[in-house]
Amino acid sequence: MTDIREPSPSPVTSAASPEPSPSSPSTALPAAPVLDGHGLRLRVWDPESAADVDAWLRGLTDPDFLRWNTPLRTVSDAASARASLESKTADAAAGRAMTFCVTDAADGAVLGQVGVSAIERVPSFARVGYWVLPEARGRHVATRSLLLATRWAFAEIGLHRLELGHALGHDASCRIAERCGFRYEGTLRGAMWEAGRTDAFRDVHAHGRLTTDPEPESP
């Protein structure tokens, strides 16, 4: 699992954002993508689905998730979980991020999430993050879903670089990153909040993968 904090919005410097030039990269993302592979199906989350809302709530309130992550926006009940999913839909429509619901390809059971966030088209990079529901752990779900999302980000969005960060000491997430071709690039000091706090910080292991890096072996 990795940090899923949403980046703070950039400061507004003019009354209206400038129109992109004809040579600027498109900000549109593929509509409602479905990714199949490695025994998984990745689809968009549905804020109107009670099952999706429940899975999202369970994921973001899981004690092991909260041990390693402190989200900017607290999700504590069905209403806040639905609002959180609605914000993910808005982010996708604006081209800022794509958050996938990871499901079992055979029976459709929700297993977790993997996301490509903070998408920046001009410098051509984004961040990736993931979590897995307790009942789905130990099955390489994070590895398999991250491989699919990474391939999509490079092939369909055309990004050059993906970044992945996790709290220092989260060895399982470190192994997932390395299995998926995200090389360890250093330790960022005080780069994320301590668990359950917004007044204390901890170090982060930084990983990165380029579109020119070799494709890892299938899990």
C-alpha atoms as a PDB file:
ATOM      1  CA  MET A   1       0.000   0.000   0.000  1.00  0.00           C
ATOM      2  CA  THR A   2       1.160   3.499  -0.670  1.00  0.00           C
ATOM      3  CA  ASP A   3       0.287   6.995   0.307  1.00  0.00           C
ATOM      4  CA  ILE A   4      -2.853   8.219  -1.490  1.00  0.00           C
ATOM      5  CA  ARG A   5      -2.831  11.817  -0.330  1.00  0.00           C
ATOM      6  CA  GLU A   6      -4.405  14.097  -2.892  1.00  0.00           C
ATOM      7  CA  PRO A   7      -2.136  16.974  -3.945  1.00  0.00           C
ATOM      8  CA  SER A   8      -3.144  20.481  -2.969  1.00  0.00           C
ATOM      9  CA  PRO A   9      -4.492  22.489  -5.909  1.00  0.00           C
ATOM     10  CA  SER A  10      -2.084  24.840  -7.633  1.00  0.00           C
ATOM     11  CA  PRO A  11      -2.591  28.510  -6.809  1.00  0.00           C
ATOM     12  CA  VAL A  12      -4.726  30.415  -9.292  1.00  0.00           C
ATOM     13  CA  THR A  13      -2.739  33.164 -10.967  1.00  0.00           C
ATOM     14  CA  SER A  14      -5.333  34.526 -13.382  1.00  0.00           C
ATOM     15  CA  ALA A  15      -9.077  34.847 -13.663  1.00  0.00           C
ATOM     16  CA  ALA A  16      -9.279  32.143 -16.305  1.00  0.00           C
ATOM     17  CA  SER A  17      -6.975  29.353 -17.284  1.00  0.00           C
ATOM     18  CA  PRO A  18      -5.387  29.869 -20.687  1.00  0.00           C
ATOM     19  CA  GLU A  19      -6.562  27.747 -23.538  1.00  0.00           C
ATOM     20  CA  PRO A  20      -4.053  25.034 -24.447  1.00  0.00           C
ATOM     21  CA  SER A  21      -2.019  25.712 -27.541  1.00  0.00           C
ATOM     22  CA  PRO A  22      -2.516  23.396 -30.522  1.00  0.00           C
ATOM     23  CA  SER A  23       0.762  21.672 -29.632  1.00  0.00           C
ATOM     24  CA  SER A  24      -0.162  21.112 -25.959  1.00  0.00           C
ATOM     25  CA  PRO A  25      -0.813  17.505 -24.905  1.00  0.00           C
ATOM     26  CA  SER A  26      -4.483  16.577 -24.590  1.00  0.00           C
ATOM     27  CA  THR A  27      -5.764  16.380 -21.023  1.00  0.00           C
ATOM     28  CA  ALA A  28      -8.593  13.977 -21.837  1.00  0.00           C
ATOM     29  CA  LEU A  29      -8.354  10.466 -20.434  1.00  0.00           C
ATOM     30  CA  PRO A  30      -9.820   7.370 -22.085  1.00  0.00           C
ATOM     31  CA  ALA A  31     -13.461   7.173 -21.027  1.00  0.00           C
ATOM     32  CA  ALA A  32     -14.340   4.442 -18.506  1.00  0.00           C
ATOM     33  CA  PRO A  33     -11.395   2.191 -19.309  1.00  0.00           C
ATOM     34  CA  VAL A  34     -11.523  -1.514 -18.476  1.00  0.00           C
ATOM     35  CA  LEU A  35      -8.198  -3.316 -18.116  1.00  0.00           C
ATOM     36  CA  ASP A  36      -7.998  -7.104 -18.148  1.00  0.00           C
ATOM     37  CA  GLY A  37      -4.981  -9.230 -17.313  1.00  0.00           C
ATOM     38  CA  HIS A  38      -3.214 -11.341 -14.706  1.00  0.00           C
ATOM     39  CA  GLY A  39      -6.567 -12.728 -13.530  1.00  0.00           C
ATOM     40  CA  LEU A  40      -7.894  -9.239 -12.737  1.00  0.00           C
ATOM     41  CA  ARG A  41     -10.299  -6.736 -14.218  1.00  0.00           C
ATOM     42  CA  LEU A  42      -9.716  -3.052 -13.500  1.00  0.00           C
ATOM     43  CA  ARG A  43     -12.725  -0.781 -13.960  1.00  0.00           C
ATOM     44  CA  VAL A  44     -13.870   2.625 -12.758  1.00  0.00           C
ATOM     45  CA  TRP A  45     -15.565   2.946  -9.386  1.00  0.00           C
ATOM     46  CA  ASP A  46     -19.310   3.653  -9.320  1.00  0.00           C
ATOM     47  CA  PRO A  47     -20.386   6.150  -6.626  1.00  0.00           C
ATOM     48  CA  GLU A  48     -23.982   4.971  -7.090  1.00  0.00           C
ATOM     49  CA  SER A  49     -23.128   1.352  -6.280  1.00  0.00           C
ATOM     50  CA  ALA A  50     -23.665   0.409  -2.645  1.00  0.00           C
ATOM     51  CA  ALA A  51     -21.127  -2.406  -3.026  1.00  0.00           C
ATOM     52  CA  ASP A  52     -18.478  -0.034  -4.393  1.00  0.00           C
ATOM     53  CA  VAL A  53     -19.140   2.525  -1.665  1.00  0.00           C
ATOM     54  CA  ASP A  54     -18.857  -0.183   0.999  1.00  0.00           C
ATOM     55  CA  ALA A  55     -15.587  -1.506  -0.437  1.00  0.00           C
ATOM     56  CA  TRP A  56     -14.135   2.008  -0.667  1.00  0.00           C
ATOM     57  CA  LEU A  57     -15.137   2.705   2.941  1.00  0.00           C
ATOM     58  CA  ARG A  58     -13.639  -0.555   4.187  1.00  0.00           C
ATOM     59  CA  GLY A  59     -10.405   0.085   2.320  1.00  0.00           C
ATOM     60  CA  LEU A  60      -9.892   3.591   3.672  1.00  0.00           C
ATOM     61  CA  THR A  61     -10.801   2.688   7.268  1.00  0.00           C
ATOM     62  CA  ASP A  62      -8.770  -0.511   7.446  1.00  0.00           C
ATOM     63  CA  PRO A  63      -6.312  -0.301  10.383  1.00  0.00           C
ATOM     64  CA  ASP A  64      -3.378  -1.562   8.325  1.00  0.00           C
ATOM     65  CA  PHE A  65      -4.085   1.035   5.634  1.00  0.00           C
ATOM     66  CA  LEU A  66      -4.230   3.791   8.246  1.00  0.00           C
ATOM     67  CA  ARG A  67      -0.967   2.590   9.753  1.00  0.00           C
ATOM     68  CA  TRP A  68       0.836   3.650   6.578  1.00  0.00           C
ATOM     69  CA  ASN A  69      -1.381   6.413   5.170  1.00  0.00           C
ATOM     70  CA  THR A  70      -3.058   9.577   6.398  1.00  0.00           C
ATOM     71  CA  PRO A  71      -5.443  10.826   3.708  1.00  0.00           C
ATOM     72  CA  LEU A  72      -6.122  14.531   3.392  1.00  0.00           C
ATOM     73  CA  ARG A  73      -9.877  13.952   3.472  1.00  0.00           C
ATOM     74  CA  THR A  74     -11.279  11.675   6.164  1.00  0.00           C
ATOM     75  CA  VAL A  75     -13.620   8.909   5.029  1.00  0.00           C
ATOM     76  CA  SER A  76     -15.599   7.524   7.960  1.00  0.00           C
ATOM     77  CA  ASP A  77     -19.069   6.566   6.741  1.00  0.00           C
ATOM     78  CA  ALA A  78     -21.049   5.746   3.590  1.00  0.00           C
ATOM     79  CA  ALA A  79     -21.817   9.399   2.838  1.00  0.00           C
ATOM     80  CA  SER A  80     -18.181  10.496   2.964  1.00  0.00           C
ATOM     81  CA  ALA A  81     -17.125   7.397   1.014  1.00  0.00           C
ATOM     82  CA  ARG A  82     -19.607   8.216  -1.744  1.00  0.00           C
ATOM     83  CA  ALA A  83     -18.440  11.831  -1.823  1.00  0.00           C
ATOM     84  CA  SER A  84     -14.837  10.619  -2.082  1.00  0.00           C
ATOM     85  CA  LEU A  85     -15.712   8.391  -5.043  1.00  0.00           C
ATOM     86  CA  GLU A  86     -17.563  11.266  -6.696  1.00  0.00           C
ATOM     87  CA  SER A  87     -14.383  13.345  -6.415  1.00  0.00           C
ATOM     88  CA  LYS A  88     -12.466  10.553  -8.164  1.00  0.00           C
ATOM     89  CA  THR A  89     -14.992  10.642 -11.009  1.00  0.00           C
ATOM     90  CA  ALA A  90     -14.503  14.404 -11.297  1.00  0.00           C
ATOM     91  CA  ASP A  91     -10.716  14.001 -11.313  1.00  0.00           C
ATOM     92  CA  ALA A  92     -10.971  11.522 -14.195  1.00  0.00           C
ATOM     93  CA  ALA A  93     -13.266  13.826 -16.176  1.00  0.00           C
ATOM     94  CA  ALA A  94     -10.765  16.672 -15.716  1.00  0.00           C
ATOM     95  CA  GLY A  95      -7.812  14.518 -16.735  1.00  0.00           C
ATOM     96  CA  ARG A  96      -6.150  14.797 -13.326  1.00  0.00           C
ATOM     97  CA  ALA A  97      -6.270  11.156 -12.261  1.00  0.00           C
ATOM     98  CA  MET A  98      -7.742   7.731 -12.907  1.00  0.00           C
ATOM     99  CA  THR A  99      -8.681   5.530  -9.966  1.00  0.00           C
ATOM    100  CA  PHE A 100      -9.385   1.898 -10.789  1.00  0.00           C
ATOM    101  CA  CYS A 101     -11.500  -0.560  -8.852  1.00  0.00           C
ATOM    102  CA  VAL A 102      -9.533  -3.825  -8.826  1.00  0.00           C
ATOM    103  CA  THR A 103     -11.795  -6.850  -9.190  1.00  0.00           C
ATOM    104  CA  ASP A 104     -11.408 -10.585  -9.638  1.00  0.00           C
ATOM    105  CA  ALA A 105     -11.802 -11.383 -13.323  1.00  0.00           C
ATOM    106  CA  ALA A 106     -13.708 -14.588 -12.566  1.00  0.00           C
ATOM    107  CA  ASP A 107     -16.402 -13.423 -10.146  1.00  0.00           C
ATOM    108  CA  GLY A 108     -16.179  -9.615 -10.089  1.00  0.00           C
ATOM    109  CA  ALA A 109     -15.387  -9.423  -6.366  1.00  0.00           C
ATOM    110  CA  VAL A 110     -13.792  -6.116  -5.371  1.00  0.00           C
ATOM    111  CA  LEU A 111     -10.203  -6.659  -4.205  1.00  0.00           C
ATOM    112  CA  GLY A 112      -8.781  -3.155  -3.841  1.00  0.00           C
ATOM    113  CA  GLN A 113      -7.793  -0.071  -5.801  1.00  0.00           C
ATOM    114  CA  VAL A 114      -4.933   1.211  -7.906  1.00  0.00           C
ATOM    115  CA  GLY A 115      -4.688   4.772  -9.114  1.00  0.00           C
ATOM    116  CA  VAL A 116      -2.714   7.015 -11.447  1.00  0.00           C
ATOM    117  CA  SER A 117      -2.889  10.490  -9.914  1.00  0.00           C
ATOM    118  CA  ALA A 118      -1.377  13.970 -10.126  1.00  0.00           C
ATOM    119  CA  ILE A 119      -1.108  13.552 -13.910  1.00  0.00           C
ATOM    120  CA  GLU A 120       1.032  16.265 -15.487  1.00  0.00           C
ATOM    121  CA  ARG A 121       1.041  16.183 -19.285  1.00  0.00           C
ATOM    122  CA  VAL A 122       3.767  18.731 -20.041  1.00  0.00           C
ATOM    123  CA  PRO A 123       6.500  17.218 -17.823  1.00  0.00           C
ATOM    124  CA  SER A 124       4.856  13.847 -18.624  1.00  0.00           C
ATOM    125  CA  PHE A 125       4.694  12.183 -15.235  1.00  0.00           C
ATOM    126  CA  ALA A 126       2.207  10.976 -12.621  1.00  0.00           C
ATOM    127  CA  ARG A 127       2.073   9.204  -9.280  1.00  0.00           C
ATOM    128  CA  VAL A 128       0.741   5.738  -8.604  1.00  0.00           C
ATOM    129  CA  GLY A 129      -0.785   4.279  -5.445  1.00  0.00           C
ATOM    130  CA  TYR A 130      -2.706   1.194  -4.385  1.00  0.00           C
ATOM    131  CA  TRP A 131      -4.329  -0.659  -1.523  1.00  0.00           C
ATOM    132  CA  VAL A 132      -5.805  -4.117  -1.127  1.00  0.00           C
ATOM    133  CA  LEU A 133      -8.725  -5.205   1.039  1.00  0.00           C
ATOM    134  CA  PRO A 134      -7.779  -7.482   3.954  1.00  0.00           C
ATOM    135  CA  GLU A 135      -9.486 -10.560   2.521  1.00  0.00           C
ATOM    136  CA  ALA A 136      -7.552 -10.242  -0.763  1.00  0.00           C
ATOM    137  CA  ARG A 137      -4.045  -9.889   0.660  1.00  0.00           C
ATOM    138  CA  GLY A 138      -1.358 -12.489   0.069  1.00  0.00           C
ATOM    139  CA  ARG A 139      -2.438 -13.062  -3.553  1.00  0.00           C
ATOM    140  CA  HIS A 140      -0.170 -10.517  -5.305  1.00  0.00           C
ATOM    141  CA  VAL A 141      -3.201  -8.356  -6.096  1.00  0.00           C
ATOM    142  CA  ALA A 142      -1.225  -5.119  -5.671  1.00  0.00           C
ATOM    143  CA  THR A 143       1.576  -6.348  -7.929  1.00  0.00           C
ATOM    144  CA  ARG A 144      -0.758  -7.565 -10.643  1.00  0.00           C
ATOM    145  CA  SER A 145      -2.945  -4.461 -10.614  1.00  0.00           C
ATOM    146  CA  LEU A 146       0.024  -2.073 -10.550  1.00  0.00           C
ATOM    147  CA  LEU A 147       1.495  -3.767 -13.613  1.00  0.00           C
ATOM    148  CA  LEU A 148      -1.787  -3.267 -15.494  1.00  0.00           C
ATOM    149  CA  ALA A 149      -2.195   0.369 -14.434  1.00  0.00           C
ATOM    150  CA  THR A 150       1.425   1.163 -15.263  1.00  0.00           C
ATOM    151  CA  ARG A 151       1.122  -0.312 -18.744  1.00  0.00           C
ATOM    152  CA  TRP A 152      -2.076   1.711 -19.290  1.00  0.00           C
ATOM    153  CA  ALA A 153      -0.449   4.958 -18.140  1.00  0.00           C
ATOM    154  CA  PHE A 154       2.478   4.543 -20.502  1.00  0.00           C
ATOM    155  CA  ALA A 155       0.583   3.183 -23.514  1.00  0.00           C
ATOM    156  CA  GLU A 156      -2.737   5.034 -23.332  1.00  0.00           C
ATOM    157  CA  ILE A 157      -1.818   8.361 -21.713  1.00  0.00           C
ATOM    158  CA  GLY A 158       1.672   8.453 -23.150  1.00  0.00           C
ATOM    159  CA  LEU A 159       3.456   9.375 -19.922  1.00  0.00           C
ATOM    160  CA  HIS A 160       7.229   9.194 -19.652  1.00  0.00           C
ATOM    161  CA  ARG A 161       7.643   8.708 -15.897  1.00  0.00           C
ATOM    162  CA  LEU A 162       5.667   7.289 -12.982  1.00  0.00           C
ATOM    163  CA  GLU A 163       6.536   7.894  -9.341  1.00  0.00           C
ATOM    164  CA  LEU A 164       5.673   5.758  -6.317  1.00  0.00           C
ATOM    165  CA  GLY A 165       6.251   6.639  -2.683  1.00  0.00           C
ATOM    166  CA  HIS A 166       5.664   4.714   0.536  1.00  0.00           C
ATOM    167  CA  ALA A 167       6.393   5.290   4.193  1.00  0.00           C
ATOM    168  CA  LEU A 168       9.811   4.209   5.374  1.00  0.00           C
ATOM    169  CA  GLY A 169       9.486   0.784   6.959  1.00  0.00           C
ATOM    170  CA  HIS A 170       6.657  -0.403   4.730  1.00  0.00           C
ATOM    171  CA  ASP A 171       8.702  -3.293   3.392  1.00  0.00           C
ATOM    172  CA  ALA A 172       5.798  -5.038   1.635  1.00  0.00           C
ATOM    173  CA  SER A 173       5.133  -1.954  -0.487  1.00  0.00           C
ATOM    174  CA  CYS A 174       8.842  -1.691  -1.246  1.00  0.00           C
ATOM    175  CA  ARG A 175       8.853  -5.254  -2.600  1.00  0.00           C
ATOM    176  CA  ILE A 176       5.761  -4.567  -4.717  1.00  0.00           C
ATOM    177  CA  ALA A 177       7.380  -1.486  -6.236  1.00  0.00           C
ATOM    178  CA  GLU A 178      10.545  -3.374  -7.128  1.00  0.00           C
ATOM    179  CA  ARG A 179       8.647  -6.338  -8.596  1.00  0.00           C
ATOM    180  CA  CYS A 180       6.807  -3.882 -10.852  1.00  0.00           C
ATOM    181  CA  GLY A 181       9.994  -2.245 -12.110  1.00  0.00           C
ATOM    182  CA  PHE A 182       9.885   0.867  -9.906  1.00  0.00           C
ATOM    183  CA  ARG A 183      13.499   1.411  -8.923  1.00  0.00           C
ATOM    184  CA  TYR A 184      14.413   2.766  -5.504  1.00  0.00           C
ATOM    185  CA  GLU A 185      15.669   6.320  -6.046  1.00  0.00           C
ATOM    186  CA  GLY A 186      16.265   7.586  -2.522  1.00  0.00           C
ATOM    187  CA  THR A 187      14.656   8.611   0.753  1.00  0.00           C
ATOM    188  CA  LEU A 188      12.631  11.821   1.008  1.00  0.00           C
ATOM    189  CA  ARG A 189      12.891  13.361   4.455  1.00  0.00           C
ATOM    190  CA  GLY A 190       9.639  14.264   6.197  1.00  0.00           C
ATOM    191  CA  ALA A 191       7.626  13.833   3.001  1.00  0.00           C
ATOM    192  CA  MET A 192       4.386  12.446   4.458  1.00  0.00           C
ATOM    193  CA  TRP A 193       2.383  12.623   7.641  1.00  0.00           C
ATOM    194  CA  GLU A 194       2.812  10.224  10.497  1.00  0.00           C
ATOM    195  CA  ALA A 195      -0.087   7.784  10.945  1.00  0.00           C
ATOM    196  CA  GLY A 196      -3.184   9.598  12.162  1.00  0.00           C
ATOM    197  CA  ARG A 197      -1.435  12.956  12.514  1.00  0.00           C
ATOM    198  CA  THR A 198      -1.100  16.145  10.498  1.00  0.00           C
ATOM    199  CA  ASP A 199       1.445  17.791  12.798  1.00  0.00           C
ATOM    200  CA  ALA A 200       4.286  15.261  12.467  1.00  0.00           C
ATOM    201  CA  PHE A 201       6.084  13.854   9.462  1.00  0.00           C
ATOM    202  CA  ARG A 202       7.950  10.710   8.425  1.00  0.00           C
ATOM    203  CA  ASP A 203      10.352   9.756   5.680  1.00  0.00           C
ATOM    204  CA  VAL A 204       9.336   8.216   2.374  1.00  0.00           C
ATOM    205  CA  HIS A 205      11.025   5.751   0.059  1.00  0.00           C
ATOM    206  CA  ALA A 206      10.873   7.145  -3.480  1.00  0.00           C
ATOM    207  CA  HIS A 207      10.618   4.813  -6.479  1.00  0.00           C
ATOM    208  CA  GLY A 208      10.357   5.625 -10.159  1.00  0.00           C
ATOM    209  CA  ARG A 209       9.805   3.907 -13.469  1.00  0.00           C
ATOM    210  CA  LEU A 210      10.292   5.248 -16.996  1.00  0.00           C
ATOM    211  CA  THR A 211       8.447   4.153 -20.085  1.00  0.00           C
ATOM    212  CA  THR A 212      11.852   3.163 -21.493  1.00  0.00           C
ATOM    213  CA  ASP A 213      12.553   0.779 -18.603  1.00  0.00           C
ATOM    214  CA  PRO A 214      12.230  -2.943 -19.386  1.00  0.00           C
ATOM    215  CA  GLU A 215       8.871  -4.569 -18.724  1.00  0.00           C
ATOM    216  CA  PRO A 216       8.998  -6.733 -15.579  1.00  0.00           C
ATOM    217  CA  GLU A 217       8.197 -10.413 -15.774  1.00  0.00           C
ATOM    218  CA  SER A 218       4.555 -11.318 -15.219  1.00  0.00           C
ATOM    219  CA  PRO A 219       3.724 -12.260 -11.614  1.00  0.00           C
END
